[in-house]
PDB file of N, CA and C in Angstrom:
ATOM      1  N   MET A   1      28.398   1.257  -0.487  1.00  0.00           N
ATOM      2  CA  MET A   1      27.001   1.133  -0.108  1.00  0.00           C
ATOM      3  C   MET A   1      26.283   0.194  -1.078  1.00  0.00           C
ATOM      4  N   GLN A   2      25.488  -0.678  -0.534  1.00  0.00           N
ATOM      5  CA  GLN A   2      24.793  -1.688  -1.340  1.00  0.00           C
ATOM      6  C   GLN A   2      23.606  -1.079  -2.075  1.00  0.00           C
ATOM      7  N   GLN A   3      23.456  -1.445  -3.341  1.00  0.00           N
ATOM      8  CA  GLN A   3      22.327  -0.985  -4.157  1.00  0.00           C
ATOM      9  C   GLN A   3      21.064  -1.700  -3.680  1.00  0.00           C
ATOM     10  N   GLU A   4      20.032  -0.933  -3.361  1.00  0.00           N
ATOM     11  CA  GLU A   4      18.784  -1.542  -2.915  1.00  0.00           C
ATOM     12  C   GLU A   4      18.060  -2.180  -4.085  1.00  0.00           C
ATOM     13  N   LYS A   5      17.441  -3.306  -3.815  1.00  0.00           N
ATOM     14  CA  LYS A   5      16.696  -4.040  -4.832  1.00  0.00           C
ATOM     15  C   LYS A   5      15.274  -3.488  -4.902  1.00  0.00           C
ATOM     16  N   ARG A   6      14.737  -3.396  -6.101  1.00  0.00           N
ATOM     17  CA  ARG A   6      13.365  -2.917  -6.280  1.00  0.00           C
ATOM     18  C   ARG A   6      12.387  -3.992  -5.815  1.00  0.00           C
ATOM     19  N   TYR A   7      11.278  -3.563  -5.213  1.00  0.00           N
ATOM     20  CA  TYR A   7      10.263  -4.521  -4.761  1.00  0.00           C
ATOM     21  C   TYR A   7       9.764  -5.376  -5.916  1.00  0.00           C
ATOM     22  N   SER A   8       9.684  -4.795  -7.102  1.00  0.00           N
ATOM     23  CA  SER A   8       9.161  -5.525  -8.259  1.00  0.00           C
ATOM     24  C   SER A   8      10.063  -6.673  -8.697  1.00  0.00           C
ATOM     25  N   THR A   9      11.332  -6.664  -8.271  1.00  0.00           N
ATOM     26  CA  THR A   9      12.255  -7.732  -8.655  1.00  0.00           C
ATOM     27  C   THR A   9      12.482  -8.742  -7.531  1.00  0.00           C
ATOM     28  N   MET A  10      11.887  -8.496  -6.369  1.00  0.00           N
ATOM     29  CA  MET A  10      12.081  -9.396  -5.222  1.00  0.00           C
ATOM     30  C   MET A  10      11.162 -10.606  -5.310  1.00  0.00           C
ATOM     31  N   THR A  11      11.639 -11.706  -4.747  1.00  0.00           N
ATOM     32  CA  THR A  11      10.812 -12.907  -4.628  1.00  0.00           C
ATOM     33  C   THR A  11       9.843 -12.716  -3.461  1.00  0.00           C
ATOM     34  N   GLU A  12       8.851 -13.595  -3.361  1.00  0.00           N
ATOM     35  CA  GLU A  12       7.908 -13.514  -2.243  1.00  0.00           C
ATOM     36  C   GLU A  12       8.646 -13.603  -0.908  1.00  0.00           C
ATOM     37  N   TYR A  13       9.623 -14.503  -0.837  1.00  0.00           N
ATOM     38  CA  TYR A  13      10.400 -14.665   0.399  1.00  0.00           C
ATOM     39  C   TYR A  13      11.129 -13.361   0.749  1.00  0.00           C
ATOM     40  N   GLU A  14      11.780 -12.748  -0.246  1.00  0.00           N
ATOM     41  CA  GLU A  14      12.513 -11.499  -0.008  1.00  0.00           C
ATOM     42  C   GLU A  14      11.568 -10.381   0.429  1.00  0.00           C
ATOM     43  N   LEU A  15      10.385 -10.329  -0.192  1.00  0.00           N
ATOM     44  CA  LEU A  15       9.407  -9.309   0.189  1.00  0.00           C
ATOM     45  C   LEU A  15       8.955  -9.500   1.637  1.00  0.00           C
ATOM     46  N   ARG A  16       8.703 -10.735   2.020  1.00  0.00           N
ATOM     47  CA  ARG A  16       8.275 -10.995   3.401  1.00  0.00           C
ATOM     48  C   ARG A  16       9.384 -10.649   4.400  1.00  0.00           C
ATOM     49  N   GLN A  17      10.631 -10.923   4.033  1.00  0.00           N
ATOM     50  CA  GLN A  17      11.774 -10.546   4.874  1.00  0.00           C
ATOM     51  C   GLN A  17      11.844  -9.022   5.017  1.00  0.00           C
ATOM     52  N   GLU A  18      11.701  -8.321   3.901  1.00  0.00           N
ATOM     53  CA  GLU A  18      11.740  -6.864   3.875  1.00  0.00           C
ATOM     54  C   GLU A  18      10.615  -6.271   4.732  1.00  0.00           C
ATOM     55  N   ILE A  19       9.420  -6.834   4.614  1.00  0.00           N
ATOM     56  CA  ILE A  19       8.279  -6.349   5.397  1.00  0.00           C
ATOM     57  C   ILE A  19       8.554  -6.519   6.884  1.00  0.00           C
ATOM     58  N   GLY A  20       9.078  -7.658   7.268  1.00  0.00           N
ATOM     59  CA  GLY A  20       9.410  -7.906   8.675  1.00  0.00           C
ATOM     60  C   GLY A  20      10.433  -6.910   9.194  1.00  0.00           C
ATOM     61  N   MET A  21      11.473  -6.657   8.403  1.00  0.00           N
ATOM     62  CA  MET A  21      12.516  -5.712   8.803  1.00  0.00           C
ATOM     63  C   MET A  21      11.938  -4.292   8.924  1.00  0.00           C
ATOM     64  N   LEU A  22      11.117  -3.902   7.964  1.00  0.00           N
ATOM     65  CA  LEU A  22      10.514  -2.557   7.985  1.00  0.00           C
ATOM     66  C   LEU A  22       9.567  -2.397   9.173  1.00  0.00           C
ATOM     67  N   GLN A  23       8.807  -3.444   9.478  1.00  0.00           N
ATOM     68  CA  GLN A  23       7.886  -3.378  10.618  1.00  0.00           C
ATOM     69  C   GLN A  23       8.661  -3.224  11.926  1.00  0.00           C
ATOM     70  N   GLU A  24       9.791  -3.907  12.033  1.00  0.00           N
ATOM     71  CA  GLU A  24      10.623  -3.779  13.232  1.00  0.00           C
ATOM     72  C   GLU A  24      11.187  -2.362  13.347  1.00  0.00           C
ATOM     73  N   GLN A  25      11.666  -1.809  12.239  1.00  0.00           N
ATOM     74  CA  GLN A  25      12.180  -0.437  12.241  1.00  0.00           C
ATOM     75  C   GLN A  25      11.068   0.548  12.597  1.00  0.00           C
ATOM     76  N   ALA A  26       9.869   0.313  12.071  1.00  0.00           N
ATOM     77  CA  ALA A  26       8.722   1.194  12.349  1.00  0.00           C
ATOM     78  C   ALA A  26       8.360   1.129  13.834  1.00  0.00           C
ATOM     79  N   ARG A  27       8.395  -0.057  14.404  1.00  0.00           N
ATOM     80  CA  ARG A  27       8.091  -0.220  15.829  1.00  0.00           C
ATOM     81  C   ARG A  27       9.077   0.578  16.675  1.00  0.00           C
ATOM     82  N   LYS A  28      10.351   0.480  16.328  1.00  0.00           N
ATOM     83  CA  LYS A  28      11.381   1.221  17.073  1.00  0.00           C
ATOM     84  C   LYS A  28      11.208   2.727  16.903  1.00  0.00           C
ATOM     85  N   ALA A  29      10.906   3.160  15.683  1.00  0.00           N
ATOM     86  CA  ALA A  29      10.702   4.592  15.424  1.00  0.00           C
ATOM     87  C   ALA A  29       9.511   5.113  16.231  1.00  0.00           C
ATOM     88  N   GLU A  30       8.454   4.311  16.311  1.00  0.00           N
ATOM     89  CA  GLU A  30       7.271   4.715  17.066  1.00  0.00           C
ATOM     90  C   GLU A  30       7.597   4.834  18.554  1.00  0.00           C
ATOM     91  N   GLN A  31       8.358   3.869  19.078  1.00  0.00           N
ATOM     92  CA  GLN A  31       8.743   3.891  20.489  1.00  0.00           C
ATOM     93  C   GLN A  31       9.601   5.109  20.819  1.00  0.00           C
ATOM     94  N   MET A  32      10.414   5.543  19.856  1.00  0.00           N
ATOM     95  CA  MET A  32      11.295   6.682  20.070  1.00  0.00           C
ATOM     96  C   MET A  32      10.608   8.009  19.756  1.00  0.00           C
ATOM     97  N   GLY A  33       9.336   7.956  19.358  1.00  0.00           N
ATOM     98  CA  GLY A  33       8.592   9.168  19.082  1.00  0.00           C
ATOM     99  C   GLY A  33       8.948   9.832  17.762  1.00  0.00           C
ATOM    100  N   MET A  34       9.537   9.064  16.842  1.00  0.00           N
ATOM    101  CA  MET A  34       9.930   9.597  15.532  1.00  0.00           C
ATOM    102  C   MET A  34       8.751   9.414  14.576  1.00  0.00           C
ATOM    103  N   VAL A  35       7.800  10.346  14.651  1.00  0.00           N
ATOM    104  CA  VAL A  35       6.538  10.230  13.930  1.00  0.00           C
ATOM    105  C   VAL A  35       6.743  10.188  12.412  1.00  0.00           C
ATOM    106  N   ASN A  36       7.575  11.077  11.895  1.00  0.00           N
ATOM    107  CA  ASN A  36       7.797  11.124  10.439  1.00  0.00           C
ATOM    108  C   ASN A  36       8.455   9.841   9.936  1.00  0.00           C
ATOM    109  N   GLU A  37       9.457   9.365  10.659  1.00  0.00           N
ATOM    110  CA  GLU A  37      10.153   8.139  10.278  1.00  0.00           C
ATOM    111  C   GLU A  37       9.184   6.959  10.305  1.00  0.00           C
ATOM    112  N   PHE A  38       8.335   6.907  11.331  1.00  0.00           N
ATOM    113  CA  PHE A  38       7.337   5.849  11.444  1.00  0.00           C
ATOM    114  C   PHE A  38       6.404   5.864  10.231  1.00  0.00           C
ATOM    115  N   ALA A  39       5.927   7.047   9.831  1.00  0.00           N
ATOM    116  CA  ALA A  39       5.011   7.166   8.694  1.00  0.00           C
ATOM    117  C   ALA A  39       5.671   6.698   7.395  1.00  0.00           C
ATOM    118  N   VAL A  40       6.923   7.056   7.188  1.00  0.00           N
ATOM    119  CA  VAL A  40       7.656   6.638   5.982  1.00  0.00           C
ATOM    120  C   VAL A  40       7.793   5.117   5.952  1.00  0.00           C
ATOM    121  N   LEU A  41       8.153   4.527   7.070  1.00  0.00           N
ATOM    122  CA  LEU A  41       8.330   3.074   7.135  1.00  0.00           C
ATOM    123  C   LEU A  41       7.006   2.343   6.930  1.00  0.00           C
ATOM    124  N   GLU A  42       5.917   2.883   7.470  1.00  0.00           N
ATOM    125  CA  GLU A  42       4.602   2.271   7.272  1.00  0.00           C
ATOM    126  C   GLU A  42       4.227   2.282   5.786  1.00  0.00           C
ATOM    127  N   ARG A  43       4.540   3.375   5.089  1.00  0.00           N
ATOM    128  CA  ARG A  43       4.256   3.461   3.643  1.00  0.00           C
ATOM    129  C   ARG A  43       5.094   2.435   2.876  1.00  0.00           C
ATOM    130  N   LYS A  44       6.330   2.242   3.276  1.00  0.00           N
ATOM    131  CA  LYS A  44       7.181   1.247   2.619  1.00  0.00           C
ATOM    132  C   LYS A  44       6.619  -0.154   2.815  1.00  0.00           C
ATOM    133  N   VAL A  45       6.100  -0.433   4.007  1.00  0.00           N
ATOM    134  CA  VAL A  45       5.478  -1.735   4.285  1.00  0.00           C
ATOM    135  C   VAL A  45       4.291  -1.928   3.351  1.00  0.00           C
ATOM    136  N   GLN A  46       3.452  -0.899   3.199  1.00  0.00           N
ATOM    137  CA  GLN A  46       2.291  -1.008   2.318  1.00  0.00           C
ATOM    138  C   GLN A  46       2.710  -1.244   0.864  1.00  0.00           C
ATOM    139  N   MET A  47       3.766  -0.581   0.435  1.00  0.00           N
ATOM    140  CA  MET A  47       4.250  -0.774  -0.935  1.00  0.00           C
ATOM    141  C   MET A  47       4.750  -2.203  -1.133  1.00  0.00           C
ATOM    142  N   ALA A  48       5.533  -2.702  -0.189  1.00  0.00           N
ATOM    143  CA  ALA A  48       6.048  -4.066  -0.303  1.00  0.00           C
ATOM    144  C   ALA A  48       4.895  -5.069  -0.308  1.00  0.00           C
ATOM    145  N   ARG A  49       3.886  -4.845   0.538  1.00  0.00           N
ATOM    146  CA  ARG A  49       2.722  -5.744   0.586  1.00  0.00           C
ATOM    147  C   ARG A  49       1.974  -5.756  -0.747  1.00  0.00           C
ATOM    148  N   ALA A  50       1.949  -4.616  -1.421  1.00  0.00           N
ATOM    149  CA  ALA A  50       1.236  -4.529  -2.703  1.00  0.00           C
ATOM    150  C   ALA A  50       1.807  -5.519  -3.715  1.00  0.00           C
ATOM    151  N   TYR A  51       3.107  -5.784  -3.636  1.00  0.00           N
ATOM    152  CA  TYR A  51       3.741  -6.712  -4.576  1.00  0.00           C
ATOM    153  C   TYR A  51       3.457  -8.179  -4.241  1.00  0.00           C
ATOM    154  N   LEU A  52       2.838  -8.435  -3.093  1.00  0.00           N
ATOM    155  CA  LEU A  52       2.446  -9.802  -2.730  1.00  0.00           C
ATOM    156  C   LEU A  52       1.006 -10.111  -3.168  1.00  0.00           C
ATOM    157  N   ILE A  53       0.318  -9.103  -3.706  1.00  0.00           N
ATOM    158  CA  ILE A  53      -1.086  -9.245  -4.095  1.00  0.00           C
ATOM    159  C   ILE A  53      -1.189  -9.272  -5.615  1.00  0.00           C
ATOM    160  N   ASP A  54      -2.095 -10.087  -6.119  1.00  0.00           N
ATOM    161  CA  ASP A  54      -2.321 -10.171  -7.561  1.00  0.00           C
ATOM    162  C   ASP A  54      -3.144  -8.966  -8.018  1.00  0.00           C
ATOM    163  N   PRO A  55      -2.568  -8.084  -8.843  1.00  0.00           N
ATOM    164  CA  PRO A  55      -3.309  -6.901  -9.310  1.00  0.00           C
ATOM    165  C   PRO A  55      -4.549  -7.262 -10.127  1.00  0.00           C
ATOM    166  N   ASN A  56      -4.580  -8.465 -10.700  1.00  0.00           N
ATOM    167  CA  ASN A  56      -5.731  -8.883 -11.502  1.00  0.00           C
ATOM    168  C   ASN A  56      -6.979  -9.134 -10.658  1.00  0.00           C
ATOM    169  N   SER A  57      -6.819  -9.182  -9.340  1.00  0.00           N
ATOM    170  CA  SER A  57      -7.983  -9.382  -8.472  1.00  0.00           C
ATOM    171  C   SER A  57      -8.704  -8.060  -8.188  1.00  0.00           C
ATOM    172  N   PHE A  58      -8.190  -6.954  -8.732  1.00  0.00           N
ATOM    173  CA  PHE A  58      -8.821  -5.642  -8.588  1.00  0.00           C
ATOM    174  C   PHE A  58      -9.366  -5.217  -9.942  1.00  0.00           C
ATOM    175  N   LYS A  59     -10.626  -4.836  -9.965  1.00  0.00           N
ATOM    176  CA  LYS A  59     -11.299  -4.540 -11.230  1.00  0.00           C
ATOM    177  C   LYS A  59     -11.736  -3.080 -11.316  1.00  0.00           C
ATOM    178  N   PRO A  60     -11.465  -2.445 -12.453  1.00  0.00           N
ATOM    179  CA  PRO A  60     -11.960  -1.079 -12.675  1.00  0.00           C
ATOM    180  C   PRO A  60     -13.482  -1.040 -12.554  1.00  0.00           C
ATOM    181  N   GLY A  61     -13.990   0.025 -11.962  1.00  0.00           N
ATOM    182  CA  GLY A  61     -15.427   0.178 -11.762  1.00  0.00           C
ATOM    183  C   GLY A  61     -15.902  -0.319 -10.415  1.00  0.00           C
ATOM    184  N   GLU A  62     -15.073  -1.118  -9.728  1.00  0.00           N
ATOM    185  CA  GLU A  62     -15.470  -1.641  -8.428  1.00  0.00           C
ATOM    186  C   GLU A  62     -15.067  -0.676  -7.318  1.00  0.00           C
ATOM    187  N   ILE A  63     -15.742  -0.818  -6.177  1.00  0.00           N
ATOM    188  CA  ILE A  63     -15.512   0.069  -5.035  1.00  0.00           C
ATOM    189  C   ILE A  63     -14.894  -0.750  -3.900  1.00  0.00           C
ATOM    190  N   TYR A  64     -13.866  -0.176  -3.275  1.00  0.00           N
ATOM    191  CA  TYR A  64     -13.134  -0.836  -2.196  1.00  0.00           C
ATOM    192  C   TYR A  64     -13.040   0.091  -0.998  1.00  0.00           C
ATOM    193  N   GLU A  65     -13.027  -0.499   0.198  1.00  0.00           N
ATOM    194  CA  GLU A  65     -12.810   0.296   1.406  1.00  0.00           C
ATOM    195  C   GLU A  65     -11.312   0.549   1.549  1.00  0.00           C
ATOM    196  N   ILE A  66     -10.949   1.736   2.007  1.00  0.00           N
ATOM    197  CA  ILE A  66      -9.549   2.085   2.186  1.00  0.00           C
ATOM    198  C   ILE A  66      -9.102   1.629   3.573  1.00  0.00           C
ATOM    199  N   GLU A  67      -8.100   0.773   3.614  1.00  0.00           N
ATOM    200  CA  GLU A  67      -7.574   0.243   4.877  1.00  0.00           C
ATOM    201  C   GLU A  67      -7.018   1.389   5.719  1.00  0.00           C
ATOM    202  N   GLY A  68      -7.326   1.362   7.006  1.00  0.00           N
ATOM    203  CA  GLY A  68      -6.821   2.384   7.914  1.00  0.00           C
ATOM    204  C   GLY A  68      -7.621   3.674   7.872  1.00  0.00           C
ATOM    205  N   ASP A  69      -8.687   3.697   7.083  1.00  0.00           N
ATOM    206  CA  ASP A  69      -9.520   4.885   6.958  1.00  0.00           C
ATOM    207  C   ASP A  69     -10.981   4.425   6.913  1.00  0.00           C
ATOM    208  N   PRO A  70     -11.516   3.969   8.043  1.00  0.00           N
ATOM    209  CA  PRO A  70     -12.867   3.394   8.086  1.00  0.00           C
ATOM    210  C   PRO A  70     -13.924   4.337   7.512  1.00  0.00           C
ATOM    211  N   GLY A  71     -14.813   3.762   6.720  1.00  0.00           N
ATOM    212  CA  GLY A  71     -15.894   4.533   6.132  1.00  0.00           C
ATOM    213  C   GLY A  71     -15.507   5.285   4.864  1.00  0.00           C
ATOM    214  N   GLN A  72     -14.254   5.182   4.451  1.00  0.00           N
ATOM    215  CA  GLN A  72     -13.787   5.828   3.229  1.00  0.00           C
ATOM    216  C   GLN A  72     -13.698   4.779   2.123  1.00  0.00           C
ATOM    217  N   TYR A  73     -14.265   5.111   0.966  1.00  0.00           N
ATOM    218  CA  TYR A  73     -14.305   4.164  -0.139  1.00  0.00           C
ATOM    219  C   TYR A  73     -13.637   4.752  -1.378  1.00  0.00           C
ATOM    220  N   PHE A  74     -13.090   3.857  -2.194  1.00  0.00           N
ATOM    221  CA  PHE A  74     -12.315   4.238  -3.368  1.00  0.00           C
ATOM    222  C   PHE A  74     -12.851   3.483  -4.576  1.00  0.00           C
ATOM    223  N   LYS A  75     -13.161   4.201  -5.645  1.00  0.00           N
ATOM    224  CA  LYS A  75     -13.634   3.576  -6.875  1.00  0.00           C
ATOM    225  C   LYS A  75     -12.490   3.573  -7.879  1.00  0.00           C
ATOM    226  N   ILE A  76     -12.179   2.395  -8.405  1.00  0.00           N
ATOM    227  CA  ILE A  76     -11.068   2.239  -9.345  1.00  0.00           C
ATOM    228  C   ILE A  76     -11.512   2.595 -10.761  1.00  0.00           C
ATOM    229  N   ASP A  77     -10.753   3.470 -11.403  1.00  0.00           N
ATOM    230  CA  ASP A  77     -10.970   3.785 -12.821  1.00  0.00           C
ATOM    231  C   ASP A  77     -10.120   2.860 -13.690  1.00  0.00           C
ATOM    232  N   TYR A  78      -8.845   2.684 -13.294  1.00  0.00           N
ATOM    233  CA  TYR A  78      -7.962   1.784 -14.033  1.00  0.00           C
ATOM    234  C   TYR A  78      -6.801   1.354 -13.152  1.00  0.00           C
ATOM    235  N   MET A  79      -6.128   0.292 -13.579  1.00  0.00           N
ATOM    236  CA  MET A  79      -4.986  -0.256 -12.848  1.00  0.00           C
ATOM    237  C   MET A  79      -3.698   0.039 -13.618  1.00  0.00           C
ATOM    238  N   ASN A  80      -2.635   0.276 -12.877  1.00  0.00           N
ATOM    239  CA  ASN A  80      -1.311   0.445 -13.466  1.00  0.00           C
ATOM    240  C   ASN A  80      -0.330  -0.237 -12.516  1.00  0.00           C
ATOM    241  N   GLY A  81       0.031  -1.467 -12.835  1.00  0.00           N
ATOM    242  CA  GLY A  81       0.910  -2.244 -11.955  1.00  0.00           C
ATOM    243  C   GLY A  81       0.198  -2.555 -10.651  1.00  0.00           C
ATOM    244  N   VAL A  82       0.846  -2.194  -9.525  1.00  0.00           N
ATOM    245  CA  VAL A  82       0.256  -2.452  -8.209  1.00  0.00           C
ATOM    246  C   VAL A  82      -0.479  -1.229  -7.679  1.00  0.00           C
ATOM    247  N   PHE A  83      -0.748  -0.276  -8.564  1.00  0.00           N
ATOM    248  CA  PHE A  83      -1.486   0.925  -8.176  1.00  0.00           C
ATOM    249  C   PHE A  83      -2.875   0.932  -8.804  1.00  0.00           C
ATOM    250  N   ALA A  84      -3.853   1.306  -7.981  1.00  0.00           N
ATOM    251  CA  ALA A  84      -5.227   1.496  -8.456  1.00  0.00           C
ATOM    252  C   ALA A  84      -5.431   2.997  -8.594  1.00  0.00           C
ATOM    253  N   TRP A  85      -5.817   3.428  -9.784  1.00  0.00           N
ATOM    254  CA  TRP A  85      -6.089   4.835 -10.035  1.00  0.00           C
ATOM    255  C   TRP A  85      -7.587   5.041 -10.015  1.00  0.00           C
ATOM    256  N   GLY A  86      -8.016   6.084  -9.316  1.00  0.00           N
ATOM    257  CA  GLY A  86      -9.431   6.386  -9.226  1.00  0.00           C
ATOM    258  C   GLY A  86      -9.655   7.547  -8.294  1.00  0.00           C
ATOM    259  N   TYR A  87     -10.758   7.491  -7.549  1.00  0.00           N
ATOM    260  CA  TYR A  87     -11.073   8.599  -6.654  1.00  0.00           C
ATOM    261  C   TYR A  87     -11.832   8.103  -5.425  1.00  0.00           C
ATOM    262  N   ARG A  88     -11.731   8.907  -4.367  1.00  0.00           N
ATOM    263  CA  ARG A  88     -12.455   8.615  -3.130  1.00  0.00           C
ATOM    264  C   ARG A  88     -13.902   9.053  -3.313  1.00  0.00           C
ATOM    265  N   LEU A  89     -14.841   8.217  -2.888  1.00  0.00           N
ATOM    266  CA  LEU A  89     -16.249   8.533  -3.078  1.00  0.00           C
ATOM    267  C   LEU A  89     -16.667   9.770  -2.282  1.00  0.00           C
ATOM    268  N   SER A  90     -16.071   9.990  -1.120  1.00  0.00           N
ATOM    269  CA  SER A  90     -16.438  11.153  -0.310  1.00  0.00           C
ATOM    270  C   SER A  90     -15.491  12.327  -0.552  1.00  0.00           C
ATOM    271  N   GLY A  91     -14.605  12.189  -1.530  1.00  0.00           N
ATOM    272  CA  GLY A  91     -13.633  13.240  -1.800  1.00  0.00           C
ATOM    273  C   GLY A  91     -14.141  14.264  -2.785  1.00  0.00           C
ATOM    274  N   ASN A  92     -13.194  15.004  -3.343  1.00  0.00           N
ATOM    275  CA  ASN A  92     -13.533  16.075  -4.273  1.00  0.00           C
ATOM    276  C   ASN A  92     -13.544  15.599  -5.728  1.00  0.00           C
ATOM    277  N   GLY A  93     -13.436  14.295  -5.951  1.00  0.00           N
ATOM    278  CA  GLY A  93     -13.464  13.741  -7.301  1.00  0.00           C
ATOM    279  C   GLY A  93     -12.116  13.792  -8.000  1.00  0.00           C
ATOM    280  N   LYS A  94     -11.093  14.236  -7.283  1.00  0.00           N
ATOM    281  CA  LYS A  94      -9.752  14.339  -7.857  1.00  0.00           C
ATOM    282  C   LYS A  94      -9.130  12.944  -7.959  1.00  0.00           C
ATOM    283  N   GLU A  95      -8.542  12.653  -9.124  1.00  0.00           N
ATOM    284  CA  GLU A  95      -7.933  11.340  -9.350  1.00  0.00           C
ATOM    285  C   GLU A  95      -6.678  11.180  -8.502  1.00  0.00           C
ATOM    286  N   GLU A  96      -6.505   9.984  -7.950  1.00  0.00           N
ATOM    287  CA  GLU A  96      -5.303   9.662  -7.189  1.00  0.00           C
ATOM    288  C   GLU A  96      -4.991   8.180  -7.354  1.00  0.00           C
ATOM    289  N   ALA A  97      -3.795   7.802  -6.942  1.00  0.00           N
ATOM    290  CA  ALA A  97      -3.373   6.402  -7.023  1.00  0.00           C
ATOM    291  C   ALA A  97      -3.119   5.880  -5.614  1.00  0.00           C
ATOM    292  N   LEU A  98      -3.587   4.667  -5.365  1.00  0.00           N
ATOM    293  CA  LEU A  98      -3.329   4.006  -4.085  1.00  0.00           C
ATOM    294  C   LEU A  98      -2.722   2.635  -4.357  1.00  0.00           C
ATOM    295  N   PRO A  99      -1.751   2.220  -3.529  1.00  0.00           N
ATOM    296  CA  PRO A  99      -1.246   0.849  -3.672  1.00  0.00           C
ATOM    297  C   PRO A  99      -2.386  -0.126  -3.347  1.00  0.00           C
ATOM    298  N   ILE A 100      -2.471  -1.217  -4.071  1.00  0.00           N
ATOM    299  CA  ILE A 100      -3.580  -2.152  -3.896  1.00  0.00           C
ATOM    300  C   ILE A 100      -3.615  -2.752  -2.503  1.00  0.00           C
ATOM    301  N   SER A 101      -2.512  -2.707  -1.770  1.00  0.00           N
ATOM    302  CA  SER A 101      -2.486  -3.235  -0.407  1.00  0.00           C
ATOM    303  C   SER A 101      -3.330  -2.388   0.546  1.00  0.00           C
ATOM    304  N   LEU A 102      -3.728  -1.181   0.131  1.00  0.00           N
ATOM    305  CA  LEU A 102      -4.567  -0.328   0.968  1.00  0.00           C
ATOM    306  C   LEU A 102      -6.051  -0.512   0.683  1.00  0.00           C
ATOM    307  N   LEU A 103      -6.396  -1.387  -0.257  1.00  0.00           N
ATOM    308  CA  LEU A 103      -7.786  -1.563  -0.652  1.00  0.00           C
ATOM    309  C   LEU A 103      -8.346  -2.891  -0.155  1.00  0.00           C
ATOM    310  N   ASN A 104      -9.506  -2.829   0.465  1.00  0.00           N
ATOM    311  CA  ASN A 104     -10.193  -4.026   0.943  1.00  0.00           C
ATOM    312  C   ASN A 104     -11.505  -4.176   0.199  1.00  0.00           C
ATOM    313  N   LYS A 105     -11.769  -5.377  -0.284  1.00  0.00           N
ATOM    314  CA  LYS A 105     -13.015  -5.673  -0.984  1.00  0.00           C
ATOM    315  C   LYS A 105     -14.186  -5.483  -0.024  1.00  0.00           C
ATOM    316  N   GLN A 106     -15.237  -4.837  -0.532  1.00  0.00           N
ATOM    317  CA  GLN A 106     -16.441  -4.664   0.292  1.00  0.00           C
ATOM    318  C   GLN A 106     -17.136  -6.008   0.470  1.00  0.00           C
ATOM    319  N   LYS A 107     -17.736  -6.188   1.627  1.00  0.00           N
ATOM    320  CA  LYS A 107     -18.420  -7.449   1.897  1.00  0.00           C
ATOM    321  C   LYS A 107     -19.842  -7.386   1.434  1.00  0.00           C
TER     322      LYS A 107
END
């Protein structure tokens, strides 16, 4: 069995290939009604996308809209790699980490 390569060591080209393959697998899983498999593959796509984004473009103290969750906002306390640590503004104030690919800059 082939050892899987970490997203952090992949080139942009390899990441884009991986995203395409994962999206195709997710599409098939959705068509077959495999809800759990679809959710796992969608999360993998988001993780791979996070490695295509410059983490330096996200600043602690700023507020971002959460992709796929309209009206939900996330305030960053600090960054750790491709993860933004902070809390949801409408949440219970509990700290959590989100991949930066799930954050959209407010307009």
